[in-house]
């Protein structure tokens, strides 16, 4: 565990004794709460199927790339 300096120790002690008061407004607290919950929301998955291009498309793409007009 990393060591803490004297100032950090004072802040931690005050917090543990309940001597610190929040200065955040209700709207700020709601915003912080929403931000904290956001990563917990399940992300939707996107499946993308890629198929091999037919040879006729490949040859057109490669010849266009050679000309510099992809």
C-alpha atoms as a PDB file:
ATOM      1  CA  UNK A   1       0.000   0.000   0.000  1.00  0.00           C
ATOM      2  CA  UNK A   2       1.433   3.407  -0.901  1.00  0.00           C
ATOM      3  CA  UNK A   3       2.388   5.679   1.949  1.00  0.00           C
ATOM      4  CA  UNK A   4       0.466   8.894   2.550  1.00  0.00           C
ATOM      5  CA  UNK A   5       1.915  12.230   3.566  1.00  0.00           C
ATOM      6  CA  UNK A   6       0.950  14.288   6.640  1.00  0.00           C
ATOM      7  CA  UNK A   7      -1.692  16.390   4.843  1.00  0.00           C
ATOM      8  CA  UNK A   8      -3.371  13.291   3.394  1.00  0.00           C
ATOM      9  CA  UNK A   9      -3.360  11.686   6.852  1.00  0.00           C
ATOM     10  CA  UNK A  10      -5.087  14.765   8.313  1.00  0.00           C
ATOM     11  CA  UNK A  11      -7.780  14.630   5.623  1.00  0.00           C
ATOM     12  CA  UNK A  12      -8.299  10.894   6.146  1.00  0.00           C
ATOM     13  CA  UNK A  13      -8.603  11.331   9.916  1.00  0.00           C
ATOM     14  CA  UNK A  14     -11.123  14.163   9.502  1.00  0.00           C
ATOM     15  CA  UNK A  15     -13.142  12.031   7.065  1.00  0.00           C
ATOM     16  CA  UNK A  16     -13.156   9.047   9.404  1.00  0.00           C
ATOM     17  CA  UNK A  17     -14.345  11.270  12.281  1.00  0.00           C
ATOM     18  CA  UNK A  18     -17.169  12.676  10.135  1.00  0.00           C
ATOM     19  CA  UNK A  19     -15.781  16.205  10.250  1.00  0.00           C
ATOM     20  CA  UNK A  20     -16.007  16.820   6.490  1.00  0.00           C
ATOM     21  CA  UNK A  21     -19.123  18.199   4.791  1.00  0.00           C
ATOM     22  CA  UNK A  22     -20.083  17.805   1.143  1.00  0.00           C
ATOM     23  CA  UNK A  23     -20.133  21.015  -0.881  1.00  0.00           C
ATOM     24  CA  UNK A  24     -21.772  19.402  -3.923  1.00  0.00           C
ATOM     25  CA  UNK A  25     -25.275  20.511  -4.899  1.00  0.00           C
ATOM     26  CA  UNK A  26     -28.112  18.034  -5.373  1.00  0.00           C
ATOM     27  CA  UNK A  27     -27.823  18.324  -9.146  1.00  0.00           C
ATOM     28  CA  UNK A  28     -24.076  17.653  -8.984  1.00  0.00           C
ATOM     29  CA  UNK A  29     -24.659  14.628  -6.772  1.00  0.00           C
ATOM     30  CA  UNK A  30     -27.237  13.287  -9.241  1.00  0.00           C
ATOM     31  CA  UNK A  31     -24.787  13.802 -12.104  1.00  0.00           C
ATOM     32  CA  UNK A  32     -22.009  12.009 -10.191  1.00  0.00           C
ATOM     33  CA  UNK A  33     -24.349   9.146  -9.310  1.00  0.00           C
ATOM     34  CA  UNK A  34     -25.381   8.737 -12.955  1.00  0.00           C
ATOM     35  CA  UNK A  35     -21.741   8.767 -14.048  1.00  0.00           C
ATOM     36  CA  UNK A  36     -20.870   6.129 -11.462  1.00  0.00           C
ATOM     37  CA  UNK A  37     -23.723   3.872 -12.604  1.00  0.00           C
ATOM     38  CA  UNK A  38     -23.031   4.252 -16.334  1.00  0.00           C
ATOM     39  CA  UNK A  39     -20.248   1.631 -16.557  1.00  0.00           C
ATOM     40  CA  UNK A  40     -22.500  -0.875 -14.811  1.00  0.00           C
ATOM     41  CA  UNK A  41     -25.097  -0.691 -17.573  1.00  0.00           C
ATOM     42  CA  UNK A  42     -24.808  -3.709 -19.828  1.00  0.00           C
ATOM     43  CA  UNK A  43     -23.462  -2.817 -23.228  1.00  0.00           C
ATOM     44  CA  UNK A  44     -25.264  -4.075 -26.300  1.00  0.00           C
ATOM     45  CA  UNK A  45     -23.285  -6.296 -28.595  1.00  0.00           C
ATOM     46  CA  UNK A  46     -22.958  -5.733 -32.289  1.00  0.00           C
ATOM     47  CA  UNK A  47     -22.240  -8.668 -34.549  1.00  0.00           C
ATOM     48  CA  UNK A  48     -20.827  -7.952 -37.970  1.00  0.00           C
ATOM     49  CA  UNK A  49     -20.454 -10.713 -40.479  1.00  0.00           C
ATOM     50  CA  UNK A  50     -17.729 -10.275 -43.045  1.00  0.00           C
ATOM     51  CA  UNK A  51     -17.608 -12.414 -46.120  1.00  0.00           C
ATOM     52  CA  UNK A  52     -14.879 -12.730 -48.674  1.00  0.00           C
ATOM     53  CA  UNK A  53     -15.350 -10.483 -51.678  1.00  0.00           C
ATOM     54  CA  UNK A  54     -15.948 -12.156 -55.054  1.00  0.00           C
ATOM     55  CA  UNK A  55     -12.841 -12.167 -57.230  1.00  0.00           C
ATOM     56  CA  UNK A  56     -14.390  -9.689 -59.709  1.00  0.00           C
ATOM     57  CA  UNK A  57     -14.787  -7.068 -56.961  1.00  0.00           C
ATOM     58  CA  UNK A  58     -11.274  -7.755 -55.682  1.00  0.00           C
ATOM     59  CA  UNK A  59      -9.763  -7.226 -59.120  1.00  0.00           C
ATOM     60  CA  UNK A  60     -11.657  -3.949 -59.616  1.00  0.00           C
ATOM     61  CA  UNK A  61     -10.622  -2.731 -56.176  1.00  0.00           C
ATOM     62  CA  UNK A  62      -6.979  -3.595 -56.685  1.00  0.00           C
ATOM     63  CA  UNK A  63      -6.852  -1.987 -60.139  1.00  0.00           C
ATOM     64  CA  UNK A  64      -8.544   1.173 -58.773  1.00  0.00           C
ATOM     65  CA  UNK A  65      -6.011   1.274 -55.933  1.00  0.00           C
ATOM     66  CA  UNK A  66      -3.182   1.011 -58.434  1.00  0.00           C
ATOM     67  CA  UNK A  67      -4.595   4.009 -60.321  1.00  0.00           C
ATOM     68  CA  UNK A  68      -4.959   5.891 -57.014  1.00  0.00           C
ATOM     69  CA  UNK A  69      -8.733   6.254 -57.138  1.00  0.00           C
ATOM     70  CA  UNK A  70      -9.999   3.798 -54.552  1.00  0.00           C
END
